[in-house]
Protein backbone atom coordinates (compact mmCIF):
# COMPACT_ATOMS: atom_id res chain seq x y z
CA MET A 1 5.94 -16.02 -28.40
CA TYR A 2 4.48 -14.11 -25.44
CA SER A 3 6.74 -15.85 -22.92
CA ILE A 4 9.82 -14.98 -24.97
CA ILE A 5 8.88 -11.31 -25.13
CA HIS A 6 8.05 -11.36 -21.43
CA LYS A 7 11.48 -12.63 -20.45
CA CYS A 8 13.63 -10.51 -22.77
CA VAL A 9 13.86 -7.32 -20.72
CA GLU A 10 16.41 -4.55 -21.14
CA ASN A 11 17.18 -1.41 -19.17
CA VAL A 12 15.15 -2.24 -16.07
CA VAL A 13 14.97 -0.96 -12.53
CA VAL A 14 14.70 -3.67 -9.87
CA GLY A 15 12.70 -2.77 -6.76
CA VAL A 16 13.04 -4.26 -3.27
CA GLU A 17 10.08 -3.88 -0.89
CA SER A 18 10.47 -4.83 2.79
CA THR A 19 8.60 -2.29 4.91
CA ALA A 20 6.48 -4.75 6.92
CA HIS A 21 5.08 -8.24 6.38
CA THR A 22 6.05 -8.58 2.70
CA LEU A 23 9.41 -9.08 1.06
CA SER A 24 9.07 -8.49 -2.66
CA PHE A 25 11.27 -8.06 -5.72
CA GLY A 26 9.82 -6.43 -8.83
CA LEU A 27 10.98 -4.72 -11.96
CA VAL A 28 9.92 -1.98 -14.33
CA GLU A 29 11.46 -1.31 -17.71
CA MET A 30 12.73 2.21 -18.33
CA ASN A 31 9.91 2.68 -20.85
CA GLY A 32 7.41 2.19 -17.99
CA THR A 33 6.40 -1.42 -18.63
CA ALA A 34 5.75 -3.04 -15.25
CA HIS A 35 6.17 -6.76 -14.51
CA PRO A 36 4.66 -8.85 -11.68
CA SER A 37 6.63 -9.08 -8.44
CA LYS A 38 8.10 -12.10 -6.70
CA SER A 39 6.75 -11.83 -3.16
CA SER A 40 6.61 -13.69 0.12
CA LEU A 41 4.22 -12.74 2.93
CA PHE A 42 5.09 -13.32 6.58
CA ARG A 43 2.11 -14.86 8.37
CA PRO A 44 2.46 -14.99 12.18
CA GLU A 45 1.17 -18.14 13.84
CA GLU A 46 -0.63 -16.01 16.40
CA GLY A 47 -0.92 -12.36 17.32
CA GLY A 48 0.19 -9.46 15.18
CA ILE A 49 3.38 -8.88 13.24
CA HIS A 50 6.52 -8.93 15.36
CA PRO A 51 9.15 -6.85 13.52
CA ARG A 52 12.06 -9.17 14.34
CA GLU A 53 10.17 -12.31 13.29
CA ALA A 54 9.12 -10.64 10.04
CA ALA A 55 12.72 -9.56 9.41
CA ASP A 56 13.93 -13.14 10.00
CA HIS A 57 11.37 -14.33 7.45
CA HIS A 58 12.62 -11.77 4.92
CA SER A 59 16.22 -12.87 5.45
CA GLU A 60 15.31 -16.52 4.94
CA VAL A 61 13.38 -16.06 1.68
CA ALA A 62 15.40 -13.26 0.07
CA ALA A 63 17.90 -15.41 -1.82
CA GLY A 64 15.21 -17.67 -3.29
CA LEU A 65 12.97 -14.81 -4.40
CA LEU A 66 15.83 -12.90 -5.98
CA SER A 67 17.12 -15.99 -7.74
CA SER A 68 13.65 -16.61 -9.17
CA LEU A 69 13.45 -13.05 -10.51
CA VAL A 70 16.97 -13.17 -11.98
CA ASN A 71 16.36 -16.49 -13.70
CA GLU A 72 12.94 -15.62 -15.11
CA TYR A 73 14.03 -12.32 -16.63
CA LYS A 74 17.69 -13.28 -17.27
CA LEU A 75 18.93 -10.28 -15.31
CA ASN A 76 22.57 -9.22 -15.26
CA SER A 77 24.57 -6.02 -14.88
CA LYS A 78 24.11 -5.21 -18.57
CA ASN A 79 20.32 -4.91 -18.51
CA ILE A 80 19.84 -3.37 -15.04
CA SER A 81 19.75 0.43 -14.83
CA ALA A 82 19.33 0.74 -11.04
CA ILE A 83 18.33 -0.95 -7.80
CA ALA A 84 15.56 0.76 -5.83
CA PHE A 85 14.56 -0.07 -2.25
CA SER A 86 12.11 1.11 0.39
CA GLN A 87 14.05 3.50 2.61
CA GLY A 88 10.98 4.21 4.78
CA PRO A 89 8.55 4.44 6.40
CA GLY A 90 8.15 1.00 7.92
CA LEU A 91 9.35 -1.44 10.57
CA GLY A 92 13.05 -0.91 11.24
CA PRO A 93 14.23 -4.54 11.26
CA CYS A 94 12.30 -5.28 8.06
CA LEU A 95 13.57 -2.17 6.27
CA ARG A 96 17.15 -3.09 7.15
CA VAL A 97 16.87 -6.45 5.42
CA GLY A 98 15.67 -4.88 2.19
CA ALA A 99 18.24 -2.10 2.34
CA THR A 100 21.07 -4.58 2.92
CA VAL A 101 20.00 -6.75 0.00
CA ALA A 102 19.66 -3.70 -2.27
CA ARG A 103 23.11 -2.38 -1.35
CA ALA A 104 24.65 -5.78 -2.08
CA MET A 105 22.89 -5.93 -5.46
CA SER A 106 24.00 -2.40 -6.34
CA ILE A 107 27.62 -3.11 -5.45
CA ASP A 108 27.71 -6.53 -7.10
CA TRP A 109 26.13 -5.35 -10.35
CA GLN A 110 27.81 -1.91 -10.20
CA VAL A 111 24.59 0.00 -10.86
CA PRO A 112 23.08 3.03 -9.08
CA LEU A 113 21.18 2.63 -5.82
CA VAL A 114 17.93 4.55 -5.23
CA GLY A 115 16.29 4.82 -1.83
CA VAL A 116 12.58 5.58 -2.24
CA ASN A 117 9.64 6.68 -0.14
CA HIS A 118 7.24 3.74 0.25
CA CYS A 119 4.15 5.96 0.45
CA VAL A 120 5.09 7.91 -2.67
CA ALA A 121 5.68 4.60 -4.46
CA HIS A 122 2.00 3.72 -3.93
CA ILE A 123 1.07 6.97 -5.67
CA GLU A 124 3.40 6.50 -8.62
CA ILE A 125 2.45 2.89 -9.35
CA GLY A 126 -1.20 3.94 -9.20
CA ARG A 127 -0.63 6.80 -11.63
CA SER A 128 1.35 4.65 -14.06
CA GLN A 129 -1.14 1.77 -14.01
CA THR A 130 -4.38 3.77 -14.21
CA GLY A 131 -3.39 6.76 -16.31
CA CYS A 132 -4.63 9.34 -13.81
CA ILE A 133 -2.56 12.52 -13.83
CA ASP A 134 -3.00 14.66 -10.73
CA PRO A 135 -5.15 12.76 -8.23
CA VAL A 136 -6.05 13.00 -4.60
CA LEU A 137 -4.77 9.74 -3.13
CA LEU A 138 -6.78 7.89 -0.50
CA TYR A 139 -3.97 5.80 0.97
CA VAL A 140 -5.38 2.98 3.08
CA SER A 141 -3.06 0.28 4.36
CA GLY A 142 -2.08 -1.59 7.50
CA GLY A 143 0.20 1.08 8.87
CA ASN A 144 -1.18 4.19 7.19
CA THR A 145 -4.38 6.03 6.44
CA GLN A 146 -3.76 9.32 4.66
CA VAL A 147 -5.35 11.64 2.14
CA ILE A 148 -2.62 13.05 -0.08
CA ALA A 149 -2.44 15.55 -2.94
CA ARG A 150 0.43 17.10 -4.83
CA ALA A 151 1.15 20.77 -4.19
CA GLY A 152 4.26 22.15 -5.85
CA ASP A 153 7.23 19.84 -5.28
CA ARG A 154 5.63 17.76 -2.53
CA TYR A 155 2.84 15.25 -2.03
CA GLN A 156 1.15 16.98 0.87
CA VAL A 157 -0.73 15.06 3.56
CA ILE A 158 -4.10 16.79 3.80
CA GLY A 159 -5.57 14.44 6.39
CA GLU A 160 -4.59 11.24 8.20
CA THR A 161 -5.33 8.85 11.02
CA LEU A 162 -4.61 10.16 14.48
CA ASP A 163 -4.10 6.70 15.96
CA ILE A 164 -3.90 3.45 13.93
CA GLY A 165 -4.16 2.69 10.24
CA ILE A 166 -7.42 1.31 8.91
CA GLY A 167 -5.77 -1.96 7.87
CA ASN A 168 -4.34 -2.36 11.36
CA MET A 169 -7.82 -1.83 12.79
CA LEU A 170 -9.34 -4.47 10.51
CA ASP A 171 -6.59 -6.98 11.27
CA LYS A 172 -6.90 -6.44 15.03
CA PHE A 173 -10.66 -6.90 14.95
CA ALA A 174 -10.25 -10.06 12.87
CA ARG A 175 -7.63 -11.42 15.27
CA MET A 176 -10.02 -10.91 18.19
CA GLN A 177 -12.46 -13.21 16.37
CA GLY A 178 -9.83 -15.87 15.71
CA ILE A 179 -9.40 -14.90 12.05
CA PRO A 180 -5.75 -15.25 10.94
CA PHE A 181 -3.68 -12.50 9.34
CA PRO A 182 -4.45 -10.81 7.03
CA GLY A 183 -7.97 -10.34 8.34
CA GLY A 184 -9.29 -7.73 5.90
CA PRO A 185 -10.28 -10.12 3.08
CA LYS A 186 -12.23 -12.37 5.47
CA ILE A 187 -14.02 -9.38 6.97
CA GLU A 188 -14.95 -8.29 3.45
CA SER A 189 -16.38 -11.68 2.54
CA LEU A 190 -18.33 -12.00 5.82
CA ALA A 191 -19.75 -8.49 5.38
CA LYS A 192 -20.77 -9.13 1.78
CA GLU A 193 -22.46 -12.43 2.60
CA TRP A 194 -24.35 -10.95 5.53
CA LYS A 195 -25.56 -7.94 3.54
CA GLU A 196 -26.78 -10.17 0.70
CA ASN A 197 -28.84 -12.11 3.23
CA HIS A 198 -30.10 -8.92 4.93
CA PRO A 199 -30.69 -6.40 2.11
CA ASN A 200 -32.78 -4.12 4.32
CA ALA A 201 -30.23 -3.91 7.12
CA ASN A 202 -29.98 -0.63 9.02
CA LEU A 203 -26.72 0.68 10.47
CA GLU A 204 -28.59 2.04 13.48
CA GLU A 205 -29.09 -1.56 14.60
CA ILE A 206 -25.31 -1.98 14.95
CA SER A 207 -24.11 1.55 15.53
CA LEU A 208 -20.40 2.32 15.80
CA PRO A 209 -18.46 5.56 16.31
CA TYR A 210 -18.02 7.73 13.23
CA SER A 211 -14.78 9.56 13.93
CA VAL A 212 -13.99 12.33 11.46
CA GLN A 213 -12.20 15.32 12.93
CA GLY A 214 -11.90 17.92 10.23
CA MET A 215 -9.57 16.26 7.72
CA ASP A 216 -8.35 13.60 10.14
CA LEU A 217 -9.68 10.23 11.27
CA ASN A 218 -9.22 7.68 14.02
CA PHE A 219 -10.13 4.02 14.23
CA SER A 220 -9.51 2.88 17.82
CA GLY A 221 -13.04 3.80 18.82
CA ILE A 222 -14.54 1.74 15.99
CA LEU A 223 -12.36 -1.21 16.95
CA ASN A 224 -13.36 -1.16 20.61
CA ALA A 225 -17.05 -0.59 19.87
CA ALA A 226 -17.11 -3.40 17.31
CA GLN A 227 -15.77 -5.85 19.86
CA THR A 228 -18.40 -4.62 22.31
CA ARG A 229 -21.10 -5.42 19.71
CA ILE A 230 -19.69 -8.95 19.39
CA ASN A 231 -19.71 -9.33 23.18
CA GLU A 232 -23.35 -8.21 23.19
CA GLY A 233 -24.19 -11.13 20.92
CA HIS A 234 -24.46 -9.51 17.52
CA ASP A 235 -23.73 -11.70 14.50
CA LEU A 236 -20.10 -11.53 13.32
CA GLY A 237 -21.13 -10.86 9.73
CA ALA A 238 -23.36 -7.98 10.83
CA VAL A 239 -20.55 -6.38 12.81
CA CYS A 240 -18.09 -6.85 9.93
CA TRP A 241 -20.57 -5.10 7.64
CA SER A 242 -21.02 -2.22 10.09
CA VAL A 243 -17.26 -1.86 10.60
CA GLN A 244 -16.70 -1.54 6.87
CA GLU A 245 -19.59 0.87 6.32
CA HIS A 246 -18.53 3.22 9.11
CA ALA A 247 -14.78 3.14 8.49
CA PHE A 248 -15.00 3.41 4.70
CA ALA A 249 -17.61 6.16 4.81
CA ALA A 250 -15.31 8.19 7.04
CA CYS A 251 -12.39 7.73 4.63
CA VAL A 252 -14.47 8.63 1.59
CA GLU A 253 -15.89 11.71 3.34
CA VAL A 254 -12.40 13.03 4.02
CA ALA A 255 -11.35 12.21 0.46
CA GLU A 256 -14.35 14.11 -0.89
CA ARG A 257 -13.46 17.10 1.26
CA ALA A 258 -9.92 16.97 -0.14
CA LEU A 259 -11.27 16.96 -3.71
CA ALA A 260 -13.37 20.02 -2.90
CA HIS A 261 -10.49 21.78 -1.18
CA THR A 262 -7.92 21.16 -3.93
CA GLY A 263 -10.24 21.40 -6.92
CA LYS A 264 -8.80 18.16 -8.33
CA LYS A 265 -10.98 15.84 -10.37
CA GLU A 266 -9.33 12.45 -9.81
CA LEU A 267 -9.37 10.15 -6.79
CA LEU A 268 -6.80 7.35 -6.63
CA LEU A 269 -7.01 4.48 -4.14
CA GLY A 270 -3.77 2.92 -2.92
CA GLY A 271 -2.59 0.54 -0.21
CA GLY A 272 -3.70 -2.96 0.70
CA VAL A 273 -7.20 -1.96 1.86
CA ALA A 274 -7.77 -0.47 -1.62
CA CYS A 275 -8.33 -4.09 -2.73
CA ASN A 276 -11.69 -3.99 -0.94
CA GLU A 277 -14.57 -3.93 -3.43
CA ARG A 278 -16.93 -2.10 -1.08
CA LEU A 279 -14.46 0.74 -0.61
CA ARG A 280 -14.04 0.95 -4.38
CA GLN A 281 -17.81 1.06 -4.85
CA MET A 282 -18.26 3.85 -2.31
CA SER A 283 -15.43 5.85 -3.88
CA HIS A 284 -16.93 5.44 -7.34
CA VAL A 285 -20.36 6.62 -6.21
CA MET A 286 -18.92 9.67 -4.46
CA CYS A 287 -16.83 10.62 -7.50
CA GLU A 288 -19.77 10.22 -9.87
CA GLU A 289 -21.83 12.57 -7.70
CA ARG A 290 -18.99 15.13 -7.82
CA GLU A 291 -18.38 14.65 -11.55
CA CYS A 292 -14.92 13.28 -10.76
CA LYS A 293 -13.28 9.96 -11.62
CA ALA A 294 -12.15 7.23 -9.25
CA PHE A 295 -9.12 5.08 -10.08
CA TRP A 296 -7.40 2.09 -8.55
CA PRO A 297 -4.68 -0.22 -9.91
CA GLU A 298 -4.93 -4.01 -10.06
CA LYS A 299 -4.94 -5.61 -6.63
CA LYS A 300 -1.39 -6.92 -7.09
CA PHE A 301 -0.26 -3.28 -7.27
CA CYS A 302 -2.36 -2.13 -4.29
CA VAL A 303 -0.68 -4.42 -1.78
CA ASP A 304 2.99 -3.87 -0.94
CA ASN A 305 5.08 -5.03 -3.89
CA GLY A 306 8.53 -4.62 -5.38
CA THR A 307 7.19 -3.34 -8.69
CA MET A 308 5.90 -0.12 -7.15
CA ILE A 309 9.34 0.49 -5.62
CA ALA A 310 10.90 -0.08 -9.03
CA GLU A 311 8.44 2.36 -10.64
CA LEU A 312 9.35 5.18 -8.27
CA GLY A 313 13.02 4.27 -8.68
CA ARG A 314 12.57 4.58 -12.46
CA ARG A 315 11.10 8.06 -12.15
CA MET A 316 13.90 9.14 -9.83
CA ILE A 317 16.66 7.75 -12.06
CA GLN A 318 15.12 9.50 -15.07
CA SER A 319 15.26 12.69 -12.98
CA GLU A 320 18.96 11.97 -12.27
CA LEU A 321 18.34 11.18 -8.61
CA SER A 322 20.22 8.36 -6.89
CA THR A 323 21.43 7.45 -3.40
CA GLU A 324 25.03 7.11 -2.30
CA ILE A 325 25.79 4.08 -0.16
CA ASN A 326 26.79 6.37 2.71
CA ASN A 327 23.33 8.00 2.58
CA SER A 328 21.32 4.80 2.23
CA SER A 329 20.40 4.31 5.89
CA ILE A 330 16.74 3.52 6.52
CA ASN A 331 14.24 5.99 7.96
CA PRO A 332 11.31 4.19 9.66
CA SER A 333 9.57 7.53 10.31
CA LEU A 334 9.88 8.93 6.79
CA ARG A 335 6.87 11.08 5.94
CA THR A 336 5.10 11.25 2.59
CA ASP A 337 5.79 14.99 2.35
CA HIS A 338 9.52 14.61 3.08
CA THR A 339 10.26 13.60 -0.51
CA THR A 340 10.88 16.28 -3.15
CA ILE A 341 8.99 15.57 -6.39
CA ILE A 342 10.71 16.89 -9.52
CA TRP A 343 9.05 14.69 -12.14
CA ASP A 344 5.67 15.20 -13.82
């Protein structure tokens, strides 16, 4: 019975995510019910993500992923309300693949097209999945690290990284140690194992820069210093633990300052690094001390996924917002605060 209900969907928005290493198709029913995405992750054989190689991967897997989604949910022009896609920010070649696929779907099925802001989509899927209403968002991903809060008709960026995103820093450090992409989960497991074996560990033994500049952060110094600690002979697990403790503490400090500044009582974690259990724990402790609440969606909705694009598309369609084909060009530099918010 459950499988039948699961597959009989009506009035859905299909979302296409293609900002970086992930191509993903997801859907959300107009009543807000979200369904798991069909995703494929580009994993480079060596080095970091090359935009053109990632875009080639997206092009190769797009037809199969879309076919899987269509067949599972029996999608056709009669039960699709709109096609949403990531218009930016992101890697240009990757964004173009998703935008092209979305335009083709919109034209073929004769349904509205909605270009959405990838960063705002992380906020909206988090709100819909956790039930938080007006949070400060700690957005931690490969390409972004921002602290965001709604003010009027915008999600304002209160603080952000001045150099690289925290996920980028973790992946680069992992790559230097021969750990394949994505490196964050392996760093988390190494740090957890080392801490369990050294419960009385002191951060002063493996000190790293703690770079908070007002409401902003930077992570290049932590990255370079961590590699120096490895070169000095420190255990990899110990350095992974120190990297997490320093970087996450900086993020949580800025988030706490944003809560104090805005007077809001909810903290929402979003982005791929929000899957990290240590970051969640630190956020929870901070919020308890401030008599606030910390929220995070399931991990499948923290990482880049088509369902979050569909959720923002749903909110925009319900607000009578859509995108004409002539205005559907990508914007790799799109800012979080460039999008007007007219929904609750």
